[in-house]
Amino acid sequence: MSTSKPGLRDVRPVSLNRAMNRRWVIVSSMVLACGVRRAGAQATSSATPAATTTVFEIPGERVFPEGIAYDPAAGAFYVGSTENGTIYRGDLATGVVEPFLQGGEDGRTAVTGLKVDGAGRLVVCGRRTGRIFVYDTASGSLLARFWNGRNEGTLINDAVIAPDGAAYVTDSFLPVLYRVDLTVPQGGASATPAAGGAEREAEVFLDFTGSALAYADGFNANGIAMSPDGSALLIVQFNTGRLYRVELATRAVTDVPLAGSDLRGGDGMALDGTTLWVLLDTTGELVRVELDAAGTRGEVVARLTDPTFAYPTTLALVGDGTVLVVNSQLDMTGGGASPVLPFTVSRVALTR
């Protein structure tokens, strides 16, 4: 069963037929609801239907997925459960989404951010466990596990793969940024939990205390991406909506001024040239930010939404003008609320 409906619609969770063997269905057209302000021009609003949206079903009744990673070499994506740490693998060609790594293995009881590097290593953020995991996507074997030594007061949130081959990882509760050297675990160069060895200490690359990025109550550093010039990291602060730049060479932290709006509620981020895409999960919007060539300042120029979005959290660019968006439904985790099943990932066209 598939349908395609053009035009504007409210952003609401979409209930799909669960008897579809977990294959994708086409459910709607992309909605562009934007207030665009360019230099020297008045703000305008428009609604432009684009290509149809493809929805992938995730099996499970309490998944509440948060992070996503795309592996272009395999044409596959990975999403993880915040409830039990299960990691699912989705095939873009067939639409099938199946468990890849079972929840609870290796102490992985919850998953937030995910990223895949060019060598097929999957970086997994362990949420409140204080752990970062690295897996081989070909075999599913654990390559390494890192721990920040904390059992509370921490939330390992999101990761990005930098040009130096390392993964940089945010912590939304602790004012630190971690660095994971992905080249060390490869080839069994060091002991891992899977091989009976001890887990490693998570390397603190930067302590934000006293820097421009001041932590406050609630969620702080969240989504992370590279700057357009490749020399720095860009980090969005969830509770303030501010964007920051961290120089890899000097570790200097500076504010990235934004024209047009802030990014309050900013979660996952992805960079395409000088275009930074940011998901605001609290409003269900995918925001387009145009940066300068270095990534030292930016402008919010458009806001995208789609009827299939259900408290979207993170995204992964496919590279063909579409993006994969995780529909977490994390706003349905408490207060007796029930999620709309099945949980889904939306593949939507990016309207320029």
C-alpha atoms as a PDB file:
ATOM      1  CA  MET A   1       0.000   0.000   0.000  1.00  0.00           C
ATOM      2  CA  SER A   2       1.285   3.424  -0.888  1.00  0.00           C
ATOM      3  CA  THR A   3      -0.188   6.861  -1.267  1.00  0.00           C
ATOM      4  CA  SER A   4       1.087  10.215  -2.420  1.00  0.00           C
ATOM      5  CA  LYS A   5      -0.592  13.411  -1.312  1.00  0.00           C
ATOM      6  CA  PRO A   6       0.670  16.819  -2.377  1.00  0.00           C
ATOM      7  CA  GLY A   7       0.278  20.098  -0.575  1.00  0.00           C
ATOM      8  CA  LEU A   8       0.433  21.492   2.936  1.00  0.00           C
ATOM      9  CA  ARG A   9      -0.429  19.288   5.870  1.00  0.00           C
ATOM     10  CA  ASP A  10      -0.120  19.476   9.643  1.00  0.00           C
ATOM     11  CA  VAL A  11       2.961  17.903  11.189  1.00  0.00           C
ATOM     12  CA  ARG A  12       1.498  14.820  12.868  1.00  0.00           C
ATOM     13  CA  PRO A  13       2.660  11.232  13.456  1.00  0.00           C
ATOM     14  CA  VAL A  14       1.402   8.927  10.715  1.00  0.00           C
ATOM     15  CA  SER A  15      -0.008   5.512  11.579  1.00  0.00           C
ATOM     16  CA  LEU A  16       1.057   2.911   9.003  1.00  0.00           C
ATOM     17  CA  ASN A  17      -0.106  -0.620   8.239  1.00  0.00           C
ATOM     18  CA  ARG A  18       2.053  -2.924  10.385  1.00  0.00           C
ATOM     19  CA  ALA A  19       1.369  -5.888   8.107  1.00  0.00           C
ATOM     20  CA  MET A  20       3.751  -4.536   5.504  1.00  0.00           C
ATOM     21  CA  ASN A  21       6.725  -6.708   6.502  1.00  0.00           C
ATOM     22  CA  ARG A  22       8.681  -3.661   7.645  1.00  0.00           C
ATOM     23  CA  ARG A  23       9.124  -2.371   4.105  1.00  0.00           C
ATOM     24  CA  TRP A  24       9.024   1.264   3.119  1.00  0.00           C
ATOM     25  CA  VAL A  25       5.911   2.986   1.957  1.00  0.00           C
ATOM     26  CA  ILE A  26       5.368   6.320   0.263  1.00  0.00           C
ATOM     27  CA  VAL A  27       3.114   8.407   2.438  1.00  0.00           C
ATOM     28  CA  SER A  28       3.288  12.070   1.592  1.00  0.00           C
ATOM     29  CA  SER A  29       4.848  14.983  -0.221  1.00  0.00           C
ATOM     30  CA  MET A  30       7.515  17.127   1.348  1.00  0.00           C
ATOM     31  CA  VAL A  31       6.288  20.397   2.732  1.00  0.00           C
ATOM     32  CA  LEU A  32       8.382  23.523   2.556  1.00  0.00           C
ATOM     33  CA  ALA A  33       7.136  25.973   5.157  1.00  0.00           C
ATOM     34  CA  CYS A  34       9.721  28.681   5.232  1.00  0.00           C
ATOM     35  CA  GLY A  35      10.284  32.209   6.257  1.00  0.00           C
ATOM     36  CA  VAL A  36      13.310  33.147   4.178  1.00  0.00           C
ATOM     37  CA  ARG A  37      15.343  36.230   4.856  1.00  0.00           C
ATOM     38  CA  ARG A  38      18.314  36.949   2.642  1.00  0.00           C
ATOM     39  CA  ALA A  39      20.711  39.823   2.876  1.00  0.00           C
ATOM     40  CA  GLY A  40      19.091  43.009   1.629  1.00  0.00           C
ATOM     41  CA  ALA A  41      15.658  41.409   1.156  1.00  0.00           C
ATOM     42  CA  GLN A  42      12.367  41.268   3.021  1.00  0.00           C
ATOM     43  CA  ALA A  43      11.307  38.001   4.663  1.00  0.00           C
ATOM     44  CA  THR A  44       8.963  35.935   2.496  1.00  0.00           C
ATOM     45  CA  SER A  45       6.849  32.835   3.077  1.00  0.00           C
ATOM     46  CA  SER A  46       6.027  30.052   0.644  1.00  0.00           C
ATOM     47  CA  ALA A  47       4.743  26.491   0.540  1.00  0.00           C
ATOM     48  CA  THR A  48       6.258  24.374  -2.189  1.00  0.00           C
ATOM     49  CA  PRO A  49       5.450  20.671  -2.568  1.00  0.00           C
ATOM     50  CA  ALA A  50       8.464  18.575  -3.537  1.00  0.00           C
ATOM     51  CA  ALA A  51       9.131  14.892  -4.192  1.00  0.00           C
ATOM     52  CA  THR A  52       7.348  12.164  -2.260  1.00  0.00           C
ATOM     53  CA  THR A  53       8.505  11.043   1.160  1.00  0.00           C
ATOM     54  CA  THR A  54       9.575   7.465   1.765  1.00  0.00           C
ATOM     55  CA  VAL A  55       9.000   5.992   5.219  1.00  0.00           C
ATOM     56  CA  PHE A  56      10.916   3.037   6.683  1.00  0.00           C
ATOM     57  CA  GLU A  57       9.294   1.072   9.496  1.00  0.00           C
ATOM     58  CA  ILE A  58      11.363   0.057  12.537  1.00  0.00           C
ATOM     59  CA  PRO A  59      10.197  -3.146  14.282  1.00  0.00           C
ATOM     60  CA  GLY A  60       9.499  -2.922  18.008  1.00  0.00           C
ATOM     61  CA  GLU A  61       6.998  -1.313  20.338  1.00  0.00           C
ATOM     62  CA  ARG A  62       9.394   0.669  22.595  1.00  0.00           C
ATOM     63  CA  VAL A  63      12.192   1.686  20.229  1.00  0.00           C
ATOM     64  CA  PHE A  64      12.159   5.485  20.597  1.00  0.00           C
ATOM     65  CA  PRO A  65      15.063   5.897  18.143  1.00  0.00           C
ATOM     66  CA  GLU A  66      17.213   9.010  18.414  1.00  0.00           C
ATOM     67  CA  GLY A  67      20.366   8.781  16.279  1.00  0.00           C
ATOM     68  CA  ILE A  68      21.031   7.745  12.694  1.00  0.00           C
ATOM     69  CA  ALA A  69      24.094   7.024  10.563  1.00  0.00           C
ATOM     70  CA  TYR A  70      24.252   6.429   6.811  1.00  0.00           C
ATOM     71  CA  ASP A  71      26.826   4.140   5.149  1.00  0.00           C
ATOM     72  CA  PRO A  72      27.003   5.081   1.442  1.00  0.00           C
ATOM     73  CA  ALA A  73      29.266   2.136   0.619  1.00  0.00           C
ATOM     74  CA  ALA A  74      26.579  -0.327   1.712  1.00  0.00           C
ATOM     75  CA  GLY A  75      23.497   1.760   0.930  1.00  0.00           C
ATOM     76  CA  ALA A  76      22.418   1.174   4.517  1.00  0.00           C
ATOM     77  CA  PHE A  77      21.512   3.205   7.558  1.00  0.00           C
ATOM     78  CA  TYR A  78      21.688   2.488  11.291  1.00  0.00           C
ATOM     79  CA  VAL A  79      19.340   3.659  14.047  1.00  0.00           C
ATOM     80  CA  GLY A  80      19.471   2.891  17.762  1.00  0.00           C
ATOM     81  CA  SER A  81      16.946   2.491  20.550  1.00  0.00           C
ATOM     82  CA  THR A  82      17.094   4.841  23.527  1.00  0.00           C
ATOM     83  CA  GLU A  83      15.094   2.276  25.523  1.00  0.00           C
ATOM     84  CA  ASN A  84      17.254  -0.882  25.347  1.00  0.00           C
ATOM     85  CA  GLY A  85      20.271  -0.159  23.125  1.00  0.00           C
ATOM     86  CA  THR A  86      19.231  -2.265  20.122  1.00  0.00           C
ATOM     87  CA  ILE A  87      20.808  -1.079  16.870  1.00  0.00           C
ATOM     88  CA  TYR A  88      18.839  -1.585  13.656  1.00  0.00           C
ATOM     89  CA  ARG A  89      20.124  -1.716  10.094  1.00  0.00           C
ATOM     90  CA  GLY A  90      17.993  -0.436   7.225  1.00  0.00           C
ATOM     91  CA  ASP A  91      18.499  -1.227   3.540  1.00  0.00           C
ATOM     92  CA  LEU A  92      17.666   1.698   1.252  1.00  0.00           C
ATOM     93  CA  ALA A  93      17.160  -0.577  -1.762  1.00  0.00           C
ATOM     94  CA  THR A  94      14.752  -3.077  -0.195  1.00  0.00           C
ATOM     95  CA  GLY A  95      13.311  -0.929   2.573  1.00  0.00           C
ATOM     96  CA  VAL A  96      13.805  -3.689   5.155  1.00  0.00           C
ATOM     97  CA  VAL A  97      14.847  -2.606   8.656  1.00  0.00           C
ATOM     98  CA  GLU A  98      16.082  -5.382  10.963  1.00  0.00           C
ATOM     99  CA  PRO A  99      17.993  -5.690  14.256  1.00  0.00           C
ATOM    100  CA  PHE A 100      21.750  -5.519  13.708  1.00  0.00           C
ATOM    101  CA  LEU A 101      23.001  -5.585  17.313  1.00  0.00           C
ATOM    102  CA  GLN A 102      20.832  -6.731  20.211  1.00  0.00           C
ATOM    103  CA  GLY A 103      20.174  -4.379  23.102  1.00  0.00           C
ATOM    104  CA  GLY A 104      22.155  -4.948  26.288  1.00  0.00           C
ATOM    105  CA  GLU A 105      25.196  -6.431  24.570  1.00  0.00           C
ATOM    106  CA  ASP A 106      28.563  -5.003  25.664  1.00  0.00           C
ATOM    107  CA  GLY A 107      26.783  -2.859  28.278  1.00  0.00           C
ATOM    108  CA  ARG A 108      24.964  -0.992  25.497  1.00  0.00           C
ATOM    109  CA  THR A 109      21.596  -0.362  27.134  1.00  0.00           C
ATOM    110  CA  ALA A 110      20.736   2.881  25.328  1.00  0.00           C
ATOM    111  CA  VAL A 111      21.814   4.538  22.092  1.00  0.00           C
ATOM    112  CA  THR A 112      21.760   8.159  20.979  1.00  0.00           C
ATOM    113  CA  GLY A 113      24.078   9.472  18.226  1.00  0.00           C
ATOM    114  CA  LEU A 114      25.566   7.209  15.536  1.00  0.00           C
ATOM    115  CA  LYS A 115      28.179   7.773  12.837  1.00  0.00           C
ATOM    116  CA  VAL A 116      29.963   5.541  10.277  1.00  0.00           C
ATOM    117  CA  ASP A 117      33.478   6.331   9.059  1.00  0.00           C
ATOM    118  CA  GLY A 118      34.999   5.494   5.675  1.00  0.00           C
ATOM    119  CA  ALA A 119      36.428   2.215   6.980  1.00  0.00           C
ATOM    120  CA  GLY A 120      33.024   0.896   8.027  1.00  0.00           C
ATOM    121  CA  ARG A 121      33.418   1.564  11.745  1.00  0.00           C
ATOM    122  CA  LEU A 122      30.212   2.467  13.540  1.00  0.00           C
ATOM    123  CA  VAL A 123      30.536   4.930  16.425  1.00  0.00           C
ATOM    124  CA  VAL A 124      27.740   4.545  18.975  1.00  0.00           C
ATOM    125  CA  CYS A 125      26.927   7.074  21.706  1.00  0.00           C
ATOM    126  CA  GLY A 126      25.665   5.368  24.865  1.00  0.00           C
ATOM    127  CA  ARG A 127      23.430   8.074  26.293  1.00  0.00           C
ATOM    128  CA  ARG A 128      23.430   8.059  30.131  1.00  0.00           C
ATOM    129  CA  THR A 129      25.776   5.066  30.405  1.00  0.00           C
ATOM    130  CA  GLY A 130      28.756   7.376  29.834  1.00  0.00           C
ATOM    131  CA  ARG A 131      30.043   4.994  27.164  1.00  0.00           C
ATOM    132  CA  ILE A 132      31.101   5.218  23.533  1.00  0.00           C
ATOM    133  CA  PHE A 133      31.223   2.026  21.445  1.00  0.00           C
ATOM    134  CA  VAL A 134      32.925   1.265  18.147  1.00  0.00           C
ATOM    135  CA  TYR A 135      31.681  -1.635  15.980  1.00  0.00           C
ATOM    136  CA  ASP A 136      32.680  -3.228  12.698  1.00  0.00           C
ATOM    137  CA  THR A 137      29.689  -2.884  10.358  1.00  0.00           C
ATOM    138  CA  ALA A 138      30.797  -5.894   8.290  1.00  0.00           C
ATOM    139  CA  SER A 139      30.865  -8.381  11.169  1.00  0.00           C
ATOM    140  CA  GLY A 140      29.045  -6.605  13.982  1.00  0.00           C
ATOM    141  CA  SER A 141      32.011  -7.241  16.273  1.00  0.00           C
ATOM    142  CA  LEU A 142      32.912  -4.800  19.026  1.00  0.00           C
ATOM    143  CA  LEU A 143      36.191  -3.054  18.238  1.00  0.00           C
ATOM    144  CA  ALA A 144      36.467  -0.821  21.285  1.00  0.00           C
ATOM    145  CA  ARG A 145      34.542   0.619  24.201  1.00  0.00           C
ATOM    146  CA  PHE A 146      35.252   3.851  26.071  1.00  0.00           C
ATOM    147  CA  TRP A 147      33.873   5.121  29.377  1.00  0.00           C
ATOM    148  CA  ASN A 148      34.006   8.525  31.023  1.00  0.00           C
ATOM    149  CA  GLY A 149      33.855   6.999  34.514  1.00  0.00           C
ATOM    150  CA  ARG A 150      30.414   8.408  35.283  1.00  0.00           C
ATOM    151  CA  ASN A 151      27.256   6.486  36.149  1.00  0.00           C
ATOM    152  CA  GLU A 152      25.135   9.624  36.483  1.00  0.00           C
ATOM    153  CA  GLY A 153      25.166  13.263  35.472  1.00  0.00           C
ATOM    154  CA  THR A 154      26.290  12.450  31.937  1.00  0.00           C
ATOM    155  CA  LEU A 155      24.595  12.097  28.558  1.00  0.00           C
ATOM    156  CA  ILE A 156      26.808  11.011  25.673  1.00  0.00           C
ATOM    157  CA  ASN A 157      24.828  12.489  22.823  1.00  0.00           C
ATOM    158  CA  ASP A 158      26.186  12.876  19.291  1.00  0.00           C
ATOM    159  CA  ALA A 159      29.318  12.347  17.203  1.00  0.00           C
ATOM    160  CA  VAL A 160      31.043  13.514  14.032  1.00  0.00           C
ATOM    161  CA  ILE A 161      33.935  11.998  12.068  1.00  0.00           C
ATOM    162  CA  ALA A 162      36.678  14.594  11.526  1.00  0.00           C
ATOM    163  CA  PRO A 163      39.300  14.760   8.747  1.00  0.00           C
ATOM    164  CA  ASP A 164      41.925  13.529  11.237  1.00  0.00           C
ATOM    165  CA  GLY A 165      40.075  10.190  11.381  1.00  0.00           C
ATOM    166  CA  ALA A 166      38.863  10.646  14.937  1.00  0.00           C
ATOM    167  CA  ALA A 167      35.320  10.871  16.232  1.00  0.00           C
ATOM    168  CA  TYR A 168      34.402  13.865  18.373  1.00  0.00           C
ATOM    169  CA  VAL A 169      31.524  13.300  20.788  1.00  0.00           C
ATOM    170  CA  THR A 170      29.328  15.699  22.767  1.00  0.00           C
ATOM    171  CA  ASP A 171      28.045  15.318  26.330  1.00  0.00           C
ATOM    172  CA  SER A 172      24.850  17.271  27.004  1.00  0.00           C
ATOM    173  CA  PHE A 173      25.209  17.242  30.791  1.00  0.00           C
ATOM    174  CA  LEU A 174      28.978  17.372  31.372  1.00  0.00           C
ATOM    175  CA  PRO A 175      30.774  20.419  29.885  1.00  0.00           C
ATOM    176  CA  VAL A 176      33.312  18.348  27.961  1.00  0.00           C
ATOM    177  CA  LEU A 177      34.002  17.158  24.417  1.00  0.00           C
ATOM    178  CA  TYR A 178      35.418  13.675  23.858  1.00  0.00           C
ATOM    179  CA  ARG A 179      37.801  12.435  21.168  1.00  0.00           C
ATOM    180  CA  VAL A 180      37.896   8.797  20.027  1.00  0.00           C
ATOM    181  CA  ASP A 181      40.819   7.656  17.876  1.00  0.00           C
ATOM    182  CA  LEU A 182      39.173   5.196  15.484  1.00  0.00           C
ATOM    183  CA  THR A 183      42.446   3.979  13.987  1.00  0.00           C
ATOM    184  CA  VAL A 184      43.651   2.334  17.208  1.00  0.00           C
ATOM    185  CA  PRO A 185      40.968  -0.376  17.542  1.00  0.00           C
ATOM    186  CA  GLN A 186      41.264  -1.498  13.920  1.00  0.00           C
ATOM    187  CA  GLY A 187      42.906  -4.878  13.378  1.00  0.00           C
ATOM    188  CA  GLY A 188      42.780  -5.826  17.045  1.00  0.00           C
ATOM    189  CA  ALA A 189      45.598  -3.459  17.953  1.00  0.00           C
ATOM    190  CA  SER A 190      44.286  -3.165  21.476  1.00  0.00           C
ATOM    191  CA  ALA A 191      42.299  -5.204  23.951  1.00  0.00           C
ATOM    192  CA  THR A 192      38.527  -4.792  23.776  1.00  0.00           C
ATOM    193  CA  PRO A 193      35.700  -6.121  25.944  1.00  0.00           C
ATOM    194  CA  ALA A 194      34.875  -8.612  23.191  1.00  0.00           C
ATOM    195  CA  ALA A 195      38.396  -9.997  23.467  1.00  0.00           C
ATOM    196  CA  GLY A 196      38.370 -10.013  27.253  1.00  0.00           C
ATOM    197  CA  GLY A 197      40.289  -6.752  27.703  1.00  0.00           C
ATOM    198  CA  ALA A 198      39.395  -3.678  29.751  1.00  0.00           C
ATOM    199  CA  GLU A 199      37.494  -0.747  28.343  1.00  0.00           C
ATOM    200  CA  ARG A 200      39.427   2.454  27.813  1.00  0.00           C
ATOM    201  CA  GLU A 201      39.024   5.828  29.406  1.00  0.00           C
ATOM    202  CA  ALA A 202      37.210   8.296  27.177  1.00  0.00           C
ATOM    203  CA  GLU A 203      39.666  11.024  26.181  1.00  0.00           C
ATOM    204  CA  VAL A 204      38.500  14.529  27.074  1.00  0.00           C
ATOM    205  CA  PHE A 205      39.530  16.686  24.141  1.00  0.00           C
ATOM    206  CA  LEU A 206      38.144  19.897  25.614  1.00  0.00           C
ATOM    207  CA  ASP A 207      36.650  21.181  28.865  1.00  0.00           C
ATOM    208  CA  PHE A 208      34.140  23.938  28.113  1.00  0.00           C
ATOM    209  CA  THR A 209      34.395  25.429  31.611  1.00  0.00           C
ATOM    210  CA  GLY A 210      35.207  29.112  31.267  1.00  0.00           C
ATOM    211  CA  SER A 211      34.724  29.078  27.485  1.00  0.00           C
ATOM    212  CA  ALA A 212      32.151  30.840  25.306  1.00  0.00           C
ATOM    213  CA  LEU A 213      29.954  27.727  25.527  1.00  0.00           C
ATOM    214  CA  ALA A 214      28.582  28.049  29.044  1.00  0.00           C
ATOM    215  CA  TYR A 215      26.594  25.081  30.340  1.00  0.00           C
ATOM    216  CA  ALA A 216      23.272  25.704  32.104  1.00  0.00           C
ATOM    217  CA  ASP A 217      20.417  23.544  33.382  1.00  0.00           C
ATOM    218  CA  GLY A 218      18.977  21.080  30.886  1.00  0.00           C
ATOM    219  CA  PHE A 219      20.458  19.852  27.622  1.00  0.00           C
ATOM    220  CA  ASN A 220      23.487  21.751  26.403  1.00  0.00           C
ATOM    221  CA  ALA A 221      25.934  20.647  23.675  1.00  0.00           C
ATOM    222  CA  ASN A 222      23.987  18.396  21.344  1.00  0.00           C
ATOM    223  CA  GLY A 223      24.420  18.048  17.579  1.00  0.00           C
ATOM    224  CA  ILE A 224      27.899  18.289  16.095  1.00  0.00           C
ATOM    225  CA  ALA A 225      29.223  18.727  12.553  1.00  0.00           C
ATOM    226  CA  MET A 226      32.363  19.836  10.734  1.00  0.00           C
ATOM    227  CA  SER A 227      32.859  23.423   9.604  1.00  0.00           C
ATOM    228  CA  PRO A 228      32.910  24.021   5.829  1.00  0.00           C
ATOM    229  CA  ASP A 229      36.663  24.646   5.857  1.00  0.00           C
ATOM    230  CA  GLY A 230      37.320  21.369   7.737  1.00  0.00           C
ATOM    231  CA  SER A 231      39.380  23.018  10.454  1.00  0.00           C
ATOM    232  CA  ALA A 232      36.774  23.200  13.199  1.00  0.00           C
ATOM    233  CA  LEU A 233      33.751  21.572  14.776  1.00  0.00           C
ATOM    234  CA  LEU A 234      30.308  23.158  14.892  1.00  0.00           C
ATOM    235  CA  ILE A 235      28.185  22.426  17.968  1.00  0.00           C
ATOM    236  CA  VAL A 236      24.609  23.484  18.670  1.00  0.00           C
ATOM    237  CA  GLN A 237      23.526  24.174  22.243  1.00  0.00           C
ATOM    238  CA  PHE A 238      20.029  22.755  22.660  1.00  0.00           C
ATOM    239  CA  ASN A 239      18.754  24.952  25.481  1.00  0.00           C
ATOM    240  CA  THR A 240      20.002  28.299  24.153  1.00  0.00           C
ATOM    241  CA  GLY A 241      19.828  27.743  20.394  1.00  0.00           C
ATOM    242  CA  ARG A 242      23.330  29.108  19.913  1.00  0.00           C
ATOM    243  CA  LEU A 243      25.901  27.701  17.514  1.00  0.00           C
ATOM    244  CA  TYR A 244      29.581  27.396  18.437  1.00  0.00           C
ATOM    245  CA  ARG A 245      32.838  26.710  16.610  1.00  0.00           C
ATOM    246  CA  VAL A 246      35.681  24.667  18.154  1.00  0.00           C
ATOM    247  CA  GLU A 247      39.055  24.952  16.436  1.00  0.00           C
ATOM    248  CA  LEU A 248      40.716  21.532  16.153  1.00  0.00           C
ATOM    249  CA  ALA A 249      44.236  22.984  16.143  1.00  0.00           C
ATOM    250  CA  THR A 250      43.913  25.369  19.096  1.00  0.00           C
ATOM    251  CA  ARG A 251      40.715  24.139  20.839  1.00  0.00           C
ATOM    252  CA  ALA A 252      39.485  27.726  20.923  1.00  0.00           C
ATOM    253  CA  VAL A 253      35.708  28.073  21.316  1.00  0.00           C
ATOM    254  CA  THR A 254      33.897  30.941  19.615  1.00  0.00           C
ATOM    255  CA  ASP A 255      30.284  31.899  19.023  1.00  0.00           C
ATOM    256  CA  VAL A 256      28.926  31.610  15.470  1.00  0.00           C
ATOM    257  CA  PRO A 257      26.549  34.569  14.985  1.00  0.00           C
ATOM    258  CA  LEU A 258      23.262  33.613  13.329  1.00  0.00           C
ATOM    259  CA  ALA A 259      21.029  36.002  11.432  1.00  0.00           C
ATOM    260  CA  GLY A 260      17.313  35.351  11.142  1.00  0.00           C
ATOM    261  CA  SER A 261      16.725  33.154  14.198  1.00  0.00           C
ATOM    262  CA  ASP A 262      18.370  31.000  16.809  1.00  0.00           C
ATOM    263  CA  LEU A 263      18.430  27.175  16.847  1.00  0.00           C
ATOM    264  CA  ARG A 264      16.680  26.565  20.151  1.00  0.00           C
ATOM    265  CA  GLY A 265      15.814  22.872  20.405  1.00  0.00           C
ATOM    266  CA  GLY A 266      18.632  22.061  17.977  1.00  0.00           C
ATOM    267  CA  ASP A 267      19.505  18.370  17.889  1.00  0.00           C
ATOM    268  CA  GLY A 268      21.102  16.531  14.949  1.00  0.00           C
ATOM    269  CA  MET A 269      23.150  18.428  12.361  1.00  0.00           C
ATOM    270  CA  ALA A 270      24.646  17.641   8.953  1.00  0.00           C
ATOM    271  CA  LEU A 271      26.812  19.729   6.634  1.00  0.00           C
ATOM    272  CA  ASP A 272      26.496  19.907   2.840  1.00  0.00           C
ATOM    273  CA  GLY A 273      29.042  22.331   1.434  1.00  0.00           C
ATOM    274  CA  THR A 274      28.300  25.585   3.220  1.00  0.00           C
ATOM    275  CA  THR A 275      24.737  24.520   4.049  1.00  0.00           C
ATOM    276  CA  LEU A 276      24.183  23.335   7.598  1.00  0.00           C
ATOM    277  CA  TRP A 277      21.002  21.341   8.219  1.00  0.00           C
ATOM    278  CA  VAL A 278      19.746  21.379  11.820  1.00  0.00           C
ATOM    279  CA  LEU A 279      16.793  19.463  13.266  1.00  0.00           C
ATOM    280  CA  LEU A 280      14.764  21.279  15.919  1.00  0.00           C
ATOM    281  CA  ASP A 281      13.022  18.397  17.638  1.00  0.00           C
ATOM    282  CA  THR A 282      10.796  20.549  19.846  1.00  0.00           C
ATOM    283  CA  THR A 283       9.177  22.217  16.811  1.00  0.00           C
ATOM    284  CA  GLY A 284       9.608  19.377  14.321  1.00  0.00           C
ATOM    285  CA  GLU A 285      11.488  21.545  11.827  1.00  0.00           C
ATOM    286  CA  LEU A 286      14.498  20.884   9.624  1.00  0.00           C
ATOM    287  CA  VAL A 287      16.282  24.219   9.432  1.00  0.00           C
ATOM    288  CA  ARG A 288      18.628  25.300   6.649  1.00  0.00           C
ATOM    289  CA  VAL A 289      21.491  27.531   7.737  1.00  0.00           C
ATOM    290  CA  GLU A 290      23.744  29.116   5.127  1.00  0.00           C
ATOM    291  CA  LEU A 291      27.287  29.559   6.439  1.00  0.00           C
ATOM    292  CA  ASP A 292      30.212  31.577   5.152  1.00  0.00           C
ATOM    293  CA  ALA A 293      33.123  29.657   3.618  1.00  0.00           C
ATOM    294  CA  ALA A 294      34.868  29.154   6.956  1.00  0.00           C
ATOM    295  CA  GLY A 295      31.790  28.551   9.056  1.00  0.00           C
ATOM    296  CA  THR A 296      32.314  31.581  11.303  1.00  0.00           C
ATOM    297  CA  ARG A 297      28.848  33.063  10.817  1.00  0.00           C
ATOM    298  CA  GLY A 298      25.538  31.956   9.363  1.00  0.00           C
ATOM    299  CA  GLU A 299      21.968  32.813   8.449  1.00  0.00           C
ATOM    300  CA  VAL A 300      18.787  30.812   8.981  1.00  0.00           C
ATOM    301  CA  VAL A 301      17.130  30.899   5.548  1.00  0.00           C
ATOM    302  CA  ALA A 302      14.476  28.152   5.506  1.00  0.00           C
ATOM    303  CA  ARG A 303      12.494  25.745   7.665  1.00  0.00           C
ATOM    304  CA  LEU A 304      11.261  22.409   6.328  1.00  0.00           C
ATOM    305  CA  THR A 305       8.643  20.146   7.797  1.00  0.00           C
ATOM    306  CA  ASP A 306       6.786  17.022   6.732  1.00  0.00           C
ATOM    307  CA  PRO A 307       3.560  15.269   7.800  1.00  0.00           C
ATOM    308  CA  THR A 308       5.526  12.138   8.695  1.00  0.00           C
ATOM    309  CA  PHE A 309       7.739  13.907  11.233  1.00  0.00           C
ATOM    310  CA  ALA A 310       7.077  12.733  14.799  1.00  0.00           C
ATOM    311  CA  TYR A 311       9.407  14.565  17.199  1.00  0.00           C
ATOM    312  CA  PRO A 312      12.323  14.239  14.738  1.00  0.00           C
ATOM    313  CA  THR A 313      15.745  14.256  16.360  1.00  0.00           C
ATOM    314  CA  THR A 314      18.633  13.538  14.000  1.00  0.00           C
ATOM    315  CA  LEU A 315      19.367  13.277  10.300  1.00  0.00           C
ATOM    316  CA  ALA A 316      21.776  11.795   7.779  1.00  0.00           C
ATOM    317  CA  LEU A 317      22.358  13.119   4.270  1.00  0.00           C
ATOM    318  CA  VAL A 318      22.110  10.455   1.560  1.00  0.00           C
ATOM    319  CA  GLY A 319      23.941  12.501  -1.067  1.00  0.00           C
ATOM    320  CA  ASP A 320      21.258  12.458  -3.760  1.00  0.00           C
ATOM    321  CA  GLY A 321      19.244  15.423  -2.580  1.00  0.00           C
ATOM    322  CA  THR A 322      17.414  13.447   0.102  1.00  0.00           C
ATOM    323  CA  VAL A 323      17.870  13.155   3.833  1.00  0.00           C
ATOM    324  CA  LEU A 324      17.017  10.465   6.391  1.00  0.00           C
ATOM    325  CA  VAL A 325      15.185  11.807   9.443  1.00  0.00           C
ATOM    326  CA  VAL A 326      14.588   9.845  12.654  1.00  0.00           C
ATOM    327  CA  ASN A 327      11.067  10.076  14.087  1.00  0.00           C
ATOM    328  CA  SER A 328      11.893   9.483  17.737  1.00  0.00           C
ATOM    329  CA  GLN A 329       8.522  10.178  19.425  1.00  0.00           C
ATOM    330  CA  LEU A 330      10.588  10.916  22.540  1.00  0.00           C
ATOM    331  CA  ASP A 331       7.803  13.254  23.623  1.00  0.00           C
ATOM    332  CA  MET A 332       5.714  10.104  24.178  1.00  0.00           C
ATOM    333  CA  THR A 333       8.023   8.424  26.704  1.00  0.00           C
ATOM    334  CA  GLY A 334       6.335   9.647  29.891  1.00  0.00           C
ATOM    335  CA  GLY A 335       3.060  10.710  31.419  1.00  0.00           C
ATOM    336  CA  GLY A 336       1.149   7.664  30.244  1.00  0.00           C
ATOM    337  CA  ALA A 337       1.412   8.698  26.579  1.00  0.00           C
ATOM    338  CA  SER A 338       1.590   5.969  23.942  1.00  0.00           C
ATOM    339  CA  PRO A 339       3.699   6.158  20.764  1.00  0.00           C
ATOM    340  CA  VAL A 340       2.117   5.745  17.347  1.00  0.00           C
ATOM    341  CA  LEU A 341       3.397   2.459  15.953  1.00  0.00           C
ATOM    342  CA  PRO A 342       5.433   1.652  14.036  1.00  0.00           C
ATOM    343  CA  PHE A 343       8.434   3.853  14.748  1.00  0.00           C
ATOM    344  CA  THR A 344       9.813   5.223  11.494  1.00  0.00           C
ATOM    345  CA  VAL A 345      12.605   6.899   9.558  1.00  0.00           C
ATOM    346  CA  SER A 346      11.526   9.389   6.864  1.00  0.00           C
ATOM    347  CA  ARG A 347      13.472   9.908   3.669  1.00  0.00           C
ATOM    348  CA  VAL A 348      12.574  13.355   2.394  1.00  0.00           C
ATOM    349  CA  ALA A 349      13.667  15.543  -0.492  1.00  0.00           C
ATOM    350  CA  LEU A 350      15.604  18.661   0.429  1.00  0.00           C
ATOM    351  CA  THR A 351      14.022  21.705  -1.181  1.00  0.00           C
ATOM    352  CA  ARG A 352      16.467  24.468  -2.020  1.00  0.00           C
END
